[in-house]
N, C-alpha and C. Protein backbone atom coordinates (compact mmCIF):
# COMPACT_ATOMS: atom_id res chain seq x y z
N MET A 1 71.45 126.85 33.14
CA MET A 1 69.81 127.53 32.62
C MET A 1 69.28 126.29 33.36
N VAL A 2 68.30 127.03 33.78
CA VAL A 2 67.24 126.14 34.56
C VAL A 2 65.73 125.65 33.59
N THR A 3 65.68 124.53 33.76
CA THR A 3 64.34 124.58 33.02
C THR A 3 63.44 123.98 33.82
N ASP A 4 62.06 124.06 34.16
CA ASP A 4 61.19 123.77 34.74
C ASP A 4 59.93 122.45 33.65
N LEU A 5 59.55 121.66 34.35
CA LEU A 5 58.93 120.60 33.82
C LEU A 5 57.63 120.07 34.90
N TYR A 6 56.83 120.57 34.12
CA TYR A 6 55.22 119.95 34.87
C TYR A 6 54.46 119.10 34.36
N LEU A 7 54.95 117.98 35.07
CA LEU A 7 54.15 116.80 34.24
C LEU A 7 52.44 116.63 34.87
N ILE A 8 51.59 116.98 34.30
CA ILE A 8 49.91 116.42 34.39
C ILE A 8 49.87 115.37 34.30
N ARG A 9 48.66 114.69 34.84
CA ARG A 9 48.22 113.60 34.77
C ARG A 9 46.90 113.57 34.50
N HIS A 10 46.34 113.22 33.65
CA HIS A 10 45.36 113.07 32.80
C HIS A 10 43.83 112.69 34.12
N GLY A 11 43.14 113.50 33.68
CA GLY A 11 41.75 113.27 34.42
C GLY A 11 41.25 112.25 34.29
N GLU A 12 40.18 111.65 35.28
CA GLU A 12 39.58 110.28 35.02
C GLU A 12 39.36 110.15 34.19
N SER A 13 39.60 108.69 33.74
CA SER A 13 39.46 108.16 32.35
C SER A 13 38.31 106.80 32.32
N ALA A 14 37.37 106.76 31.48
CA ALA A 14 36.66 105.68 31.68
C ALA A 14 37.40 104.19 31.96
N ALA A 15 38.65 104.19 31.46
CA ALA A 15 39.42 102.92 31.56
C ALA A 15 39.84 102.96 33.44
N ASN A 16 39.88 103.93 33.68
CA ASN A 16 40.31 104.36 35.28
C ASN A 16 39.12 103.45 35.77
N ALA A 17 37.87 103.78 35.82
CA ALA A 17 36.43 103.50 36.33
C ALA A 17 36.54 102.11 36.31
N GLN A 18 36.70 101.59 34.85
CA GLN A 18 35.91 100.12 34.98
C GLN A 18 37.02 99.20 35.43
N PRO A 19 38.12 98.84 35.90
CA PRO A 19 39.00 99.03 34.87
C PRO A 19 39.12 98.01 33.56
N VAL A 20 40.17 98.50 32.53
CA VAL A 20 40.47 98.25 31.33
C VAL A 20 41.57 98.70 31.25
N VAL A 21 42.53 97.51 30.52
CA VAL A 21 43.86 98.27 29.68
C VAL A 21 43.62 99.24 29.02
N SER A 22 44.23 99.81 28.95
CA SER A 22 44.07 101.22 28.28
C SER A 22 45.11 101.94 26.86
N GLY A 23 45.26 101.12 25.92
CA GLY A 23 46.06 102.20 24.91
C GLY A 23 44.97 102.52 23.94
N MET A 24 45.23 103.21 22.94
CA MET A 24 44.75 103.64 22.38
C MET A 24 43.41 103.02 21.53
N ARG A 25 43.24 101.46 21.42
CA ARG A 25 42.34 101.18 21.48
C ARG A 25 41.02 101.23 22.62
N GLY A 26 41.43 100.79 23.87
CA GLY A 26 41.01 100.58 25.17
C GLY A 26 40.51 102.29 26.01
N ASP A 27 40.84 102.93 25.26
CA ASP A 27 40.81 104.46 25.71
C ASP A 27 39.26 105.19 25.37
N ALA A 28 38.33 105.13 25.90
CA ALA A 28 37.18 106.01 25.78
C ALA A 28 37.14 107.35 26.52
N GLY A 29 38.77 107.85 26.94
CA GLY A 29 38.48 109.28 26.98
C GLY A 29 38.33 109.58 28.44
N LEU A 30 37.61 110.82 28.85
CA LEU A 30 37.72 111.01 29.98
C LEU A 30 35.95 110.77 30.91
N THR A 31 35.84 110.51 31.76
CA THR A 31 34.57 110.19 32.60
C THR A 31 33.75 111.71 32.93
N ASP A 32 32.76 111.91 33.46
CA ASP A 32 32.38 112.81 33.92
C ASP A 32 32.72 113.84 35.10
N ARG A 33 33.39 112.70 35.56
CA ARG A 33 33.85 113.27 37.02
C ARG A 33 35.41 113.47 36.63
N GLY A 34 36.00 112.80 35.64
CA GLY A 34 37.33 113.28 34.82
C GLY A 34 36.89 114.86 34.36
N ARG A 35 36.21 115.18 33.46
CA ARG A 35 35.93 116.39 32.92
C ARG A 35 35.98 117.38 34.39
N MET A 36 35.16 117.07 35.04
CA MET A 36 35.09 118.14 36.58
C MET A 36 36.46 118.30 36.85
N GLN A 37 37.20 117.43 36.98
CA GLN A 37 38.46 117.51 37.59
C GLN A 37 39.54 118.33 36.52
N ALA A 38 39.70 118.21 35.49
CA ALA A 38 39.91 118.94 34.44
C ALA A 38 39.62 120.32 34.35
N ARG A 39 38.42 120.75 34.92
CA ARG A 39 37.64 121.78 34.51
C ARG A 39 38.48 122.44 35.98
N MET A 40 38.54 121.72 36.87
CA MET A 40 38.76 122.49 38.17
C MET A 40 40.36 122.63 37.99
N LEU A 41 41.04 121.84 37.37
CA LEU A 41 42.41 122.41 37.49
C LEU A 41 42.82 123.74 36.10
N GLU A 42 41.87 123.50 35.19
CA GLU A 42 41.82 124.33 34.54
C GLU A 42 41.81 126.14 35.25
N LYS A 43 40.72 125.98 36.17
CA LYS A 43 40.65 127.09 37.09
C LYS A 43 41.45 127.61 37.81
N ARG A 44 42.33 126.04 38.34
CA ARG A 44 43.48 126.99 38.80
C ARG A 44 44.68 127.39 38.63
N LEU A 45 44.58 126.59 37.28
CA LEU A 45 45.59 127.05 36.11
C LEU A 45 45.53 128.57 36.10
N ASP A 46 44.38 128.75 35.75
CA ASP A 46 44.18 130.25 35.26
C ASP A 46 44.24 131.57 36.00
N ALA A 47 44.61 130.51 37.40
CA ALA A 47 44.47 131.92 38.57
C ALA A 47 45.61 131.50 38.78
N GLU A 48 46.98 130.95 38.77
CA GLU A 48 47.87 130.67 39.53
C GLU A 48 49.03 131.70 38.42
N ARG A 49 48.72 131.23 37.12
CA ARG A 49 49.58 132.18 36.25
C ARG A 49 50.83 131.74 36.24
N LEU A 50 51.38 130.48 35.85
CA LEU A 50 52.65 129.82 36.16
C LEU A 50 53.62 130.41 35.25
N GLY A 51 53.21 131.05 34.46
CA GLY A 51 54.15 131.35 32.85
C GLY A 51 54.92 130.35 32.07
N ILE A 52 54.03 128.93 31.70
CA ILE A 52 54.04 128.10 31.04
C ILE A 52 54.43 128.80 29.65
N ASP A 53 55.54 128.20 29.16
CA ASP A 53 56.17 128.61 27.97
C ASP A 53 55.44 127.60 26.42
N TRP A 54 55.17 126.47 27.11
CA TRP A 54 55.00 125.23 25.92
C TRP A 54 54.27 124.39 26.98
N LEU A 55 53.09 123.83 26.32
CA LEU A 55 52.81 122.69 26.45
C LEU A 55 52.49 121.45 25.47
N TYR A 56 52.83 120.55 25.75
CA TYR A 56 52.67 119.25 25.32
C TYR A 56 51.41 118.15 26.06
N THR A 57 51.00 116.98 25.18
CA THR A 57 50.25 116.16 25.46
C THR A 57 50.65 114.69 24.89
N SER A 58 50.16 113.48 25.72
CA SER A 58 50.75 112.68 25.44
C SER A 58 49.03 112.28 24.38
N THR A 59 49.46 111.51 23.38
CA THR A 59 48.40 111.48 22.11
C THR A 59 47.11 110.13 22.60
N LEU A 60 47.31 109.99 23.76
CA LEU A 60 46.48 108.95 23.90
C LEU A 60 45.01 109.91 24.24
N PRO A 61 43.59 109.53 23.99
CA PRO A 61 42.66 110.44 24.24
C PRO A 61 42.51 111.14 25.64
N ARG A 62 42.79 110.24 26.49
CA ARG A 62 42.26 110.55 28.01
C ARG A 62 43.20 111.71 28.57
N ALA A 63 44.17 111.97 27.92
CA ALA A 63 45.45 113.12 27.53
C ALA A 63 44.65 114.50 26.64
N VAL A 64 44.70 113.90 25.56
CA VAL A 64 44.28 114.98 24.57
C VAL A 64 43.07 115.61 25.21
N GLU A 65 41.94 114.69 25.70
CA GLU A 65 40.94 115.81 25.89
C GLU A 65 41.08 116.32 27.26
N THR A 66 42.07 116.07 28.70
CA THR A 66 42.52 116.98 29.25
C THR A 66 43.03 117.89 28.94
N ALA A 67 43.77 117.76 28.21
CA ALA A 67 44.85 118.90 27.34
C ALA A 67 44.31 120.29 26.69
N THR A 68 42.56 119.81 26.60
CA THR A 68 41.88 121.40 26.19
C THR A 68 41.63 122.00 27.15
N TYR A 69 41.47 121.49 28.26
CA TYR A 69 41.16 122.34 29.42
C TYR A 69 42.31 123.21 30.00
N ILE A 70 43.62 122.46 29.51
CA ILE A 70 44.71 123.02 30.54
C ILE A 70 45.14 124.09 28.80
N ALA A 71 44.65 123.69 27.95
CA ALA A 71 45.44 124.69 27.00
C ALA A 71 44.45 125.92 26.94
N ARG A 72 43.41 126.17 27.31
CA ARG A 72 42.75 127.52 27.71
C ARG A 72 43.09 128.20 28.61
N ALA A 73 43.17 127.31 29.85
CA ALA A 73 44.03 128.00 30.81
C ALA A 73 45.41 128.57 30.80
N LEU A 74 46.20 128.13 29.77
CA LEU A 74 47.42 128.42 29.73
C LEU A 74 47.69 129.58 28.43
N GLY A 75 46.53 129.34 27.45
CA GLY A 75 46.59 130.39 26.14
C GLY A 75 47.73 129.88 25.37
N LEU A 76 47.91 128.62 25.54
CA LEU A 76 48.77 127.88 24.56
C LEU A 76 47.83 126.76 24.13
N PRO A 77 48.41 126.43 22.52
CA PRO A 77 48.37 125.13 21.72
C PRO A 77 48.62 124.05 22.41
N SER A 78 48.17 122.87 22.25
CA SER A 78 48.77 122.14 22.96
C SER A 78 49.74 120.69 21.75
N LEU A 79 50.28 120.23 21.98
CA LEU A 79 51.51 119.99 21.09
C LEU A 79 51.38 118.32 21.13
N GLY A 80 50.96 117.57 20.75
CA GLY A 80 50.90 116.29 20.65
C GLY A 80 52.84 115.63 20.56
N ASP A 81 52.48 114.48 21.68
CA ASP A 81 53.79 113.80 21.34
C ASP A 81 53.58 112.54 21.92
N ASP A 82 53.97 111.00 21.09
CA ASP A 82 53.53 109.91 21.20
C ASP A 82 54.59 109.80 22.53
N GLY A 83 55.76 110.04 22.50
CA GLY A 83 56.61 109.90 23.07
C GLY A 83 55.81 109.52 24.77
N LEU A 84 55.08 110.57 24.96
CA LEU A 84 54.68 110.91 26.28
C LEU A 84 53.33 109.63 26.72
N GLN A 85 53.33 108.72 26.17
CA GLN A 85 52.05 107.64 26.15
C GLN A 85 52.54 107.14 27.35
N GLU A 86 51.35 106.54 27.78
CA GLU A 86 51.48 105.22 28.68
C GLU A 86 51.53 104.21 28.36
N LEU A 87 52.24 102.75 29.44
CA LEU A 87 53.05 101.80 28.25
C LEU A 87 52.04 100.65 27.31
N ARG A 88 52.50 100.51 26.25
CA ARG A 88 51.90 100.37 25.52
C ARG A 88 51.53 98.73 25.53
N PRO A 89 50.33 98.37 25.36
CA PRO A 89 49.92 96.68 25.98
C PRO A 89 49.50 96.15 24.96
N GLY A 90 49.37 96.63 23.48
CA GLY A 90 50.13 95.21 22.37
C GLY A 90 48.56 94.75 21.99
N ASP A 91 48.77 93.42 22.43
CA ASP A 91 47.26 92.64 22.25
C ASP A 91 46.23 92.88 23.08
N ALA A 92 46.57 93.16 24.33
CA ALA A 92 46.09 93.50 25.39
C ALA A 92 45.30 94.67 25.87
N ASP A 93 45.31 95.33 24.92
CA ASP A 93 44.74 96.67 24.48
C ASP A 93 42.99 96.55 24.49
N GLY A 94 42.29 97.20 25.77
CA GLY A 94 41.26 96.93 26.14
C GLY A 94 40.70 95.68 26.32
N LEU A 95 41.25 94.79 27.48
CA LEU A 95 40.49 93.96 27.94
C LEU A 95 41.24 94.16 29.67
N SER A 96 39.84 93.45 30.16
CA SER A 96 40.25 94.11 31.50
C SER A 96 41.34 93.19 32.14
N TYR A 97 41.83 93.58 33.42
CA TYR A 97 43.02 93.20 33.64
C TYR A 97 42.86 91.84 34.46
N GLU A 98 41.61 91.43 34.46
CA GLU A 98 41.50 90.10 34.87
C GLU A 98 41.70 89.28 33.59
N ASP A 99 40.99 89.63 32.67
CA ASP A 99 41.36 89.17 31.30
C ASP A 99 42.78 89.03 31.18
N TRP A 100 43.38 90.27 31.01
CA TRP A 100 44.92 90.09 30.63
C TRP A 100 45.54 88.98 31.04
N ARG A 101 45.76 89.67 32.48
CA ARG A 101 46.34 88.00 33.49
C ARG A 101 45.78 86.99 32.77
N THR A 102 45.39 85.97 32.59
CA THR A 102 44.47 84.95 31.92
C THR A 102 44.82 85.09 30.69
N THR A 103 44.48 85.81 29.43
CA THR A 103 45.17 85.46 28.38
C THR A 103 46.66 85.41 28.40
N TYR A 104 47.25 86.73 28.88
CA TYR A 104 48.82 86.85 28.69
C TYR A 104 49.02 86.98 30.16
N PRO A 105 49.23 85.49 31.18
CA PRO A 105 49.81 86.26 31.97
C PRO A 105 51.17 85.86 32.30
N PRO A 106 51.84 87.27 33.27
CA PRO A 106 52.86 87.72 33.08
C PRO A 106 53.79 86.80 33.29
N VAL A 107 55.33 86.71 32.79
CA VAL A 107 56.29 86.16 33.19
C VAL A 107 57.31 86.27 33.75
N GLY A 108 57.54 86.12 34.90
CA GLY A 108 58.70 86.22 35.97
C GLY A 108 57.85 86.93 37.04
N PRO A 109 59.14 87.32 37.91
CA PRO A 109 57.99 87.89 39.51
C PRO A 109 57.49 89.38 39.08
N GLY A 110 56.56 89.12 40.39
CA GLY A 110 55.81 90.77 40.29
C GLY A 110 54.46 90.88 39.52
N PRO A 111 53.60 91.61 39.72
CA PRO A 111 52.23 91.29 39.32
C PRO A 111 52.25 91.83 37.44
N TYR A 112 53.61 92.22 37.16
CA TYR A 112 53.52 92.62 35.89
C TYR A 112 54.86 91.65 34.99
N GLY A 113 55.54 91.36 35.54
CA GLY A 113 56.15 90.21 35.31
C GLY A 113 57.76 90.65 35.34
N HIS A 114 59.01 89.70 33.96
CA HIS A 114 59.80 90.54 34.23
C HIS A 114 60.03 91.63 33.53
N PRO A 115 61.17 92.50 33.60
CA PRO A 115 61.02 93.98 33.09
C PRO A 115 61.82 93.97 31.66
N PHE A 116 61.94 92.68 30.84
CA PHE A 116 62.49 92.90 29.84
C PHE A 116 61.30 91.97 28.86
N HIS A 117 60.08 91.14 29.77
CA HIS A 117 58.56 90.79 29.23
C HIS A 117 58.23 91.76 28.56
N PRO A 118 57.41 91.77 27.52
CA PRO A 118 56.39 92.32 26.63
C PRO A 118 55.05 92.48 27.72
N PHE A 119 54.22 93.52 28.17
CA PHE A 119 52.84 93.24 28.32
C PHE A 119 52.47 92.51 28.05
N ALA A 120 52.36 92.59 26.30
CA ALA A 120 51.25 91.49 25.87
C ALA A 120 51.99 90.99 24.62
N PRO A 121 52.14 90.38 23.33
CA PRO A 121 52.52 89.95 22.14
C PRO A 121 52.13 92.05 21.74
N GLY A 122 53.34 92.51 20.56
CA GLY A 122 53.04 93.48 20.39
C GLY A 122 53.06 94.59 21.25
N GLY A 123 53.52 94.52 22.93
CA GLY A 123 53.17 95.51 23.40
C GLY A 123 54.61 95.80 24.18
N GLU A 124 55.06 97.03 24.56
CA GLU A 124 56.41 97.48 25.46
C GLU A 124 56.46 96.71 26.52
N SER A 125 58.00 96.19 26.93
CA SER A 125 58.18 95.62 28.42
C SER A 125 58.63 96.69 29.21
N TRP A 126 58.83 96.62 30.78
CA TRP A 126 58.96 97.77 31.69
C TRP A 126 60.22 98.68 30.94
N ALA A 127 61.07 97.82 30.64
CA ALA A 127 62.59 98.41 29.88
C ALA A 127 62.20 98.91 28.74
N THR A 128 61.67 98.55 27.50
CA THR A 128 61.70 99.60 26.68
C THR A 128 60.81 100.41 27.17
N PHE A 129 59.65 100.84 27.71
CA PHE A 129 58.77 101.54 28.40
C PHE A 129 59.45 102.89 29.25
N LEU A 130 60.45 102.24 29.89
CA LEU A 130 61.04 103.39 30.13
C LEU A 130 62.83 104.04 29.64
N ALA A 131 62.91 103.32 28.38
CA ALA A 131 63.74 104.16 27.54
C ALA A 131 62.76 104.68 26.92
N ARG A 132 61.96 104.95 26.22
CA ARG A 132 61.02 105.53 25.06
C ARG A 132 60.85 106.99 25.95
N THR A 133 60.12 106.90 27.50
CA THR A 133 59.68 107.69 28.26
C THR A 133 60.85 108.56 28.51
N GLY A 134 61.77 108.23 28.82
CA GLY A 134 63.14 108.71 29.61
C GLY A 134 63.41 109.82 28.20
N ALA A 135 63.70 109.00 27.13
CA ALA A 135 64.00 109.75 25.66
C ALA A 135 62.79 111.64 25.73
N ALA A 136 61.61 110.98 26.03
CA ALA A 136 60.88 111.83 25.58
C ALA A 136 60.92 112.95 26.43
N LEU A 137 61.21 112.84 27.91
CA LEU A 137 61.16 113.82 28.56
C LEU A 137 62.48 114.53 28.85
N THR A 138 63.40 113.82 28.28
CA THR A 138 64.75 114.96 28.32
C THR A 138 65.17 115.33 26.62
N ARG A 139 64.34 115.07 25.38
CA ARG A 139 63.70 116.06 24.80
C ARG A 139 63.55 116.96 25.10
N LEU A 140 62.52 117.02 25.88
CA LEU A 140 61.97 118.28 26.15
C LEU A 140 62.69 119.42 26.88
N VAL A 141 62.79 118.90 27.98
CA VAL A 141 63.83 119.78 28.41
C VAL A 141 65.49 120.24 28.16
N THR A 142 65.47 119.53 27.04
CA THR A 142 66.82 120.14 26.22
C THR A 142 66.70 120.90 24.74
N ARG A 143 64.99 120.58 24.65
CA ARG A 143 64.57 121.33 23.31
C ARG A 143 63.85 122.82 23.83
N HIS A 144 63.75 122.65 25.32
CA HIS A 144 63.10 124.07 25.92
C HIS A 144 64.04 124.65 26.88
N GLU A 145 65.40 124.91 26.71
CA GLU A 145 66.73 124.77 27.93
C GLU A 145 65.98 126.09 28.28
N GLY A 146 65.97 126.30 29.85
CA GLY A 146 65.88 127.92 30.50
C GLY A 146 64.09 127.91 30.14
N GLN A 147 63.17 126.98 29.76
CA GLN A 147 61.83 128.06 29.75
C GLN A 147 61.34 126.98 30.88
N ARG A 148 59.61 126.76 30.19
CA ARG A 148 59.08 126.27 31.62
C ARG A 148 58.04 125.68 30.87
N VAL A 149 57.61 123.96 30.89
CA VAL A 149 57.18 123.08 30.07
C VAL A 149 56.01 122.24 30.74
N ALA A 150 54.66 122.65 30.02
CA ALA A 150 54.16 121.23 30.84
C ALA A 150 53.98 120.43 30.03
N ALA A 151 53.23 119.07 30.60
CA ALA A 151 53.20 118.38 29.80
C ALA A 151 52.24 117.17 30.61
N ILE A 152 51.25 116.63 29.74
CA ILE A 152 49.88 115.74 30.39
C ILE A 152 49.98 114.39 29.76
N THR A 153 50.37 113.95 30.86
CA THR A 153 50.77 112.70 30.64
C THR A 153 50.05 111.61 31.72
N HIS A 154 50.93 110.33 32.27
CA HIS A 154 50.54 109.14 32.30
C HIS A 154 50.76 108.79 33.69
N GLY A 155 49.92 108.46 34.81
CA GLY A 155 50.77 107.72 36.12
C GLY A 155 51.81 106.73 35.67
N GLY A 156 52.34 105.97 34.79
CA GLY A 156 53.39 105.26 34.31
C GLY A 156 54.49 106.18 33.99
N VAL A 157 54.01 107.33 33.47
CA VAL A 157 55.05 107.74 32.90
C VAL A 157 55.86 109.26 34.20
N LEU A 158 54.71 109.05 35.19
CA LEU A 158 55.24 110.00 36.51
C LEU A 158 56.59 109.05 37.04
N GLU A 159 55.95 107.73 37.16
CA GLU A 159 57.21 106.84 38.12
C GLU A 159 58.11 106.80 37.14
N ALA A 160 58.17 106.65 35.88
CA ALA A 160 59.65 106.58 35.09
C ALA A 160 60.47 108.16 35.02
N SER A 161 59.89 109.01 35.42
CA SER A 161 60.33 110.41 35.62
C SER A 161 61.15 110.04 36.70
N PHE A 162 61.08 109.81 37.88
CA PHE A 162 61.68 109.64 38.99
C PHE A 162 63.20 108.34 38.36
N CYS A 163 62.42 107.75 37.72
CA CYS A 163 63.27 106.79 37.46
C CYS A 163 64.50 107.41 36.56
N LEU A 164 64.33 108.58 36.05
CA LEU A 164 65.67 108.97 35.07
C LEU A 164 66.01 109.87 35.86
N ALA A 165 65.55 110.66 36.79
CA ALA A 165 65.80 111.68 37.99
C ALA A 165 67.10 110.37 39.12
N PHE A 166 66.62 109.52 38.86
CA PHE A 166 67.36 108.76 40.19
C PHE A 166 68.49 107.94 39.56
N GLY A 167 68.61 108.00 37.73
CA GLY A 167 69.47 106.94 37.28
C GLY A 167 69.47 105.49 37.36
N LEU A 168 67.90 105.41 37.65
CA LEU A 168 67.65 104.09 37.70
C LEU A 168 66.83 103.27 36.44
N GLY A 169 67.89 101.83 36.60
CA GLY A 169 67.35 100.66 34.99
C GLY A 169 65.98 100.17 35.52
N ALA A 170 65.46 99.18 34.01
CA ALA A 170 64.39 98.57 34.60
C ALA A 170 64.52 97.80 35.17
N THR A 171 65.82 97.04 35.68
CA THR A 171 66.13 95.56 36.79
C THR A 171 66.24 96.47 38.18
N SER A 172 66.18 97.93 38.30
CA SER A 172 66.00 98.60 39.63
C SER A 172 64.48 98.30 40.62
N SER A 173 65.15 98.56 42.03
CA SER A 173 63.08 98.22 42.68
C SER A 173 62.57 99.51 41.82
N ARG A 174 61.33 98.70 41.53
CA ARG A 174 60.02 100.07 40.97
C ARG A 174 60.32 101.43 42.39
N ILE A 175 59.56 102.67 42.15
CA ILE A 175 59.07 103.20 42.66
C ILE A 175 57.35 103.61 42.59
N GLY A 176 57.47 103.11 43.93
CA GLY A 176 55.81 103.37 44.26
C GLY A 176 55.13 104.72 44.44
N ILE A 177 54.19 104.63 43.49
CA ILE A 177 53.77 106.32 43.41
C ILE A 177 52.45 105.95 43.48
N ALA A 178 51.79 107.00 43.96
CA ALA A 178 50.05 106.98 43.24
C ALA A 178 49.36 108.51 43.29
N ALA A 179 49.66 108.79 41.75
CA ALA A 179 49.56 110.40 41.39
C ALA A 179 48.09 109.98 41.63
N THR A 180 47.54 111.17 41.86
CA THR A 180 45.83 111.19 41.81
C THR A 180 46.18 111.88 40.20
N ASN A 181 44.64 111.56 39.83
CA ASN A 181 44.27 112.29 38.16
C ASN A 181 44.12 114.15 38.37
N THR A 182 44.72 114.28 37.57
CA THR A 182 45.06 116.20 37.37
C THR A 182 46.28 116.76 38.50
N SER A 183 47.08 115.76 39.51
CA SER A 183 47.44 116.44 39.63
C SER A 183 49.03 116.85 38.85
N ILE A 184 49.50 117.23 39.58
CA ILE A 184 50.87 118.20 38.65
C ILE A 184 51.81 117.90 39.49
N THR A 185 52.91 117.09 39.09
CA THR A 185 54.25 117.10 39.52
C THR A 185 55.32 117.79 38.87
N HIS A 186 56.34 118.92 39.77
CA HIS A 186 57.10 119.78 38.92
C HIS A 186 58.54 119.20 39.06
N TRP A 187 59.43 119.07 38.32
CA TRP A 187 60.73 119.29 38.52
C TRP A 187 61.34 120.15 37.83
N GLN A 188 62.41 120.46 38.15
CA GLN A 188 63.68 121.37 37.14
C GLN A 188 64.90 120.83 36.91
N HIS A 189 65.04 121.25 35.57
CA HIS A 189 66.26 120.14 34.99
C HIS A 189 67.42 121.15 35.13
N HIS A 190 68.21 121.01 35.17
CA HIS A 190 69.99 122.27 35.35
C HIS A 190 70.68 120.83 34.60
N HIS A 191 72.07 121.66 34.56
CA HIS A 191 73.71 121.35 34.65
C HIS A 191 74.31 121.21 35.55
N GLY A 192 74.90 120.28 36.11
CA GLY A 192 75.96 120.97 37.37
C GLY A 192 76.87 121.15 37.04
N THR A 193 78.11 121.58 37.68
CA THR A 193 79.21 121.82 37.79
C THR A 193 80.30 121.35 36.43
N ASP A 194 79.84 119.58 36.71
CA ASP A 194 80.66 118.73 36.20
C ASP A 194 80.06 118.87 34.53
N GLY A 195 78.90 118.97 34.68
CA GLY A 195 77.87 118.98 33.07
C GLY A 195 77.26 117.96 32.77
N ARG A 196 77.27 117.38 33.88
CA ARG A 196 76.38 116.32 34.11
C ARG A 196 74.78 116.73 34.14
N PRO A 197 73.86 116.51 33.99
CA PRO A 197 72.18 116.59 34.16
C PRO A 197 71.85 116.15 35.78
N ALA A 198 71.19 117.64 35.89
CA ALA A 198 70.79 117.50 37.26
C ALA A 198 69.25 117.47 37.39
N TRP A 199 68.37 116.93 38.25
CA TRP A 199 67.19 116.77 38.36
C TRP A 199 66.69 117.54 39.80
N THR A 200 66.36 118.05 40.55
CA THR A 200 65.20 118.16 41.21
C THR A 200 63.98 118.74 41.51
N LEU A 201 63.19 117.76 42.37
CA LEU A 201 61.97 117.66 42.78
C LEU A 201 61.41 118.75 43.75
N LEU A 202 60.27 119.33 43.11
CA LEU A 202 59.99 120.68 43.45
C LEU A 202 58.25 120.41 44.43
N GLY A 203 57.79 119.58 43.58
CA GLY A 203 56.61 119.17 44.00
C GLY A 203 56.31 117.65 43.43
N PHE A 204 55.21 117.34 44.39
CA PHE A 204 54.90 115.84 43.73
C PHE A 204 53.00 115.78 44.10
N ASN A 205 52.39 115.64 43.03
CA ASN A 205 50.62 114.89 43.44
C ASN A 205 50.40 116.79 44.23
N HIS A 206 50.76 117.41 43.53
CA HIS A 206 49.72 118.69 44.01
C HIS A 206 48.44 118.58 43.14
N ALA A 207 47.41 118.63 44.20
CA ALA A 207 45.99 118.74 43.82
C ALA A 207 44.96 119.40 44.96
N HIS A 208 45.78 120.33 45.05
CA HIS A 208 44.78 120.73 46.14
C HIS A 208 43.24 121.59 45.54
N HIS A 209 43.39 121.71 44.08
CA HIS A 209 42.22 122.21 43.33
C HIS A 209 41.13 120.99 43.55
N LEU A 210 41.37 119.93 43.84
CA LEU A 210 40.12 118.63 43.84
C LEU A 210 39.70 118.88 44.68
N THR A 211 39.69 119.48 45.94
CA THR A 211 39.46 119.88 47.48
C THR A 211 39.17 118.24 47.69
N ASP A 212 37.87 117.73 48.36
CA ASP A 212 37.87 116.24 49.13
C ASP A 212 37.12 115.46 48.40
N GLN A 213 37.26 115.33 47.06
CA GLN A 213 37.17 114.41 46.01
C GLN A 213 37.90 113.17 46.32
N PRO A 214 37.25 111.88 46.37
CA PRO A 214 37.35 110.19 46.38
C PRO A 214 38.37 110.37 45.39
N ARG A 215 39.74 109.36 45.21
CA ARG A 215 40.03 109.02 44.08
C ARG A 215 39.93 107.36 44.07
N HIS A 216 39.68 106.82 42.06
CA HIS A 216 39.56 105.54 42.25
C HIS A 216 40.90 105.19 42.15
N ASP A 217 41.00 103.66 42.54
CA ASP A 217 42.49 103.44 42.40
C ASP A 217 42.49 103.01 41.13
N ASP A 218 43.55 103.19 40.21
CA ASP A 218 44.11 102.83 38.90
C ASP A 218 44.98 101.74 38.82
N PRO A 219 44.61 100.90 38.42
CA PRO A 219 45.57 99.64 38.60
C PRO A 219 46.78 100.04 37.42
N GLN A 220 47.01 100.76 36.05
CA GLN A 220 47.24 101.08 35.34
C GLN A 220 48.67 102.30 35.95
N SER A 221 48.51 102.81 36.84
CA SER A 221 49.30 104.07 37.23
C SER A 221 50.33 102.85 38.59
N SER A 222 51.30 103.54 39.59
CA SER A 222 52.08 102.78 40.57
C SER A 222 51.29 102.85 41.68
N ALA A 223 51.42 101.57 42.50
CA ALA A 223 50.74 101.45 43.89
C ALA A 223 51.83 102.23 44.94
N GLY A 224 51.11 103.17 45.89
CA GLY A 224 51.68 103.58 46.58
C GLY A 224 50.67 104.51 47.46
N LEU A 225 51.22 105.46 48.28
CA LEU A 225 50.48 107.05 49.04
C LEU A 225 50.90 108.10 48.56
N ASP A 226 49.88 108.88 48.23
CA ASP A 226 49.43 109.97 48.48
C ASP A 226 50.53 110.35 49.07
N THR A 227 50.87 111.60 47.80
CA THR A 227 51.62 112.94 49.26
C THR A 227 50.98 114.15 49.09
N ALA A 228 50.76 114.90 50.43
CA ALA A 228 50.15 115.42 50.38
C ALA A 228 50.33 116.79 50.07
N ASP A 229 49.51 117.67 49.29
CA ASP A 229 49.84 118.79 48.68
C ASP A 229 50.34 119.73 49.28
N GLN A 230 51.18 120.70 48.70
CA GLN A 230 51.67 121.51 49.79
C GLN A 230 51.24 122.87 49.07
N GLY A 231 50.41 123.41 48.26
CA GLY A 231 49.72 124.55 47.91
C GLY A 231 50.19 124.85 46.91
N PRO A 232 50.05 126.47 46.68
CA PRO A 232 50.25 126.68 45.09
C PRO A 232 51.77 125.97 45.09
N LEU A 233 51.55 126.30 43.32
CA LEU A 233 53.29 126.00 42.93
C LEU A 233 54.25 126.86 42.79
N ARG A 234 54.94 126.37 42.75
CA ARG A 234 56.42 127.57 42.83
C ARG A 234 56.75 127.40 41.33
C-alpha cells in the first residue's frame, strides 16, 4: 500500500528573522509575516482538498502556531510529536548564531562541525538528529499505512527526510536544500517487491500560495537553491 506524507515547513518565525538559535527556549513563534504565510497556505489547502487523514506537528512553538491554520483548513486536530522537532541545540538555545560560534565553536570540518559532535553541550549532534527524525518519519508512515499524513516541521527535518529516503548516514555529504516557509514537500512510501521500504519524491518546495513574497535566509535550514513550484499538489 502507498502512504502519502506531506511535510510542511512552518511559517517565518521570529528566530528566522533575527536570527537566533531556536529550540524551545529561543522560539518566540511566528512573525506577522509568518502568520500571513500560514493564512495563505490555509486558503490553498482549503481549496485543493488533498484528503489528508492525519495531521501531526512538531511541538516547537513556531510549528504549533502554524498548525492551527492548517488544522482549520483540513478539519483535523493537530497531534504533537516531539520527534518532528528541529535539531535540539542544548545550551546554545536562544543565542545568536554569532554568539553560538564564539561560545561553542564547532569541532571538526564544516559550519556545524563533526557530525558526531553536539551542537552545544546538552544538544544533539547531526548523527543523533538524523536517527531521531528518521525514526519519527518512519513511525508516521508505518502507523498510517495506505493513508495521507501531513506533518508541520522544520528545514532540518526536510533535509533528514532526503537522507532517510536516499539511505544516507551522518558521515555522508550533506544535501543542500532551501525549503521556503510554509512550502510543502510530498513523499510517497511503499514496500518494493523485495519487501524493502521505498520512497518516491512527488514534489519539493511547493509554495505558489506565497505569490511574490521574498524570503529571509534561515541559518537553521539547509543551504541551497529553491525548486520551482510545479502547481497544485498531486
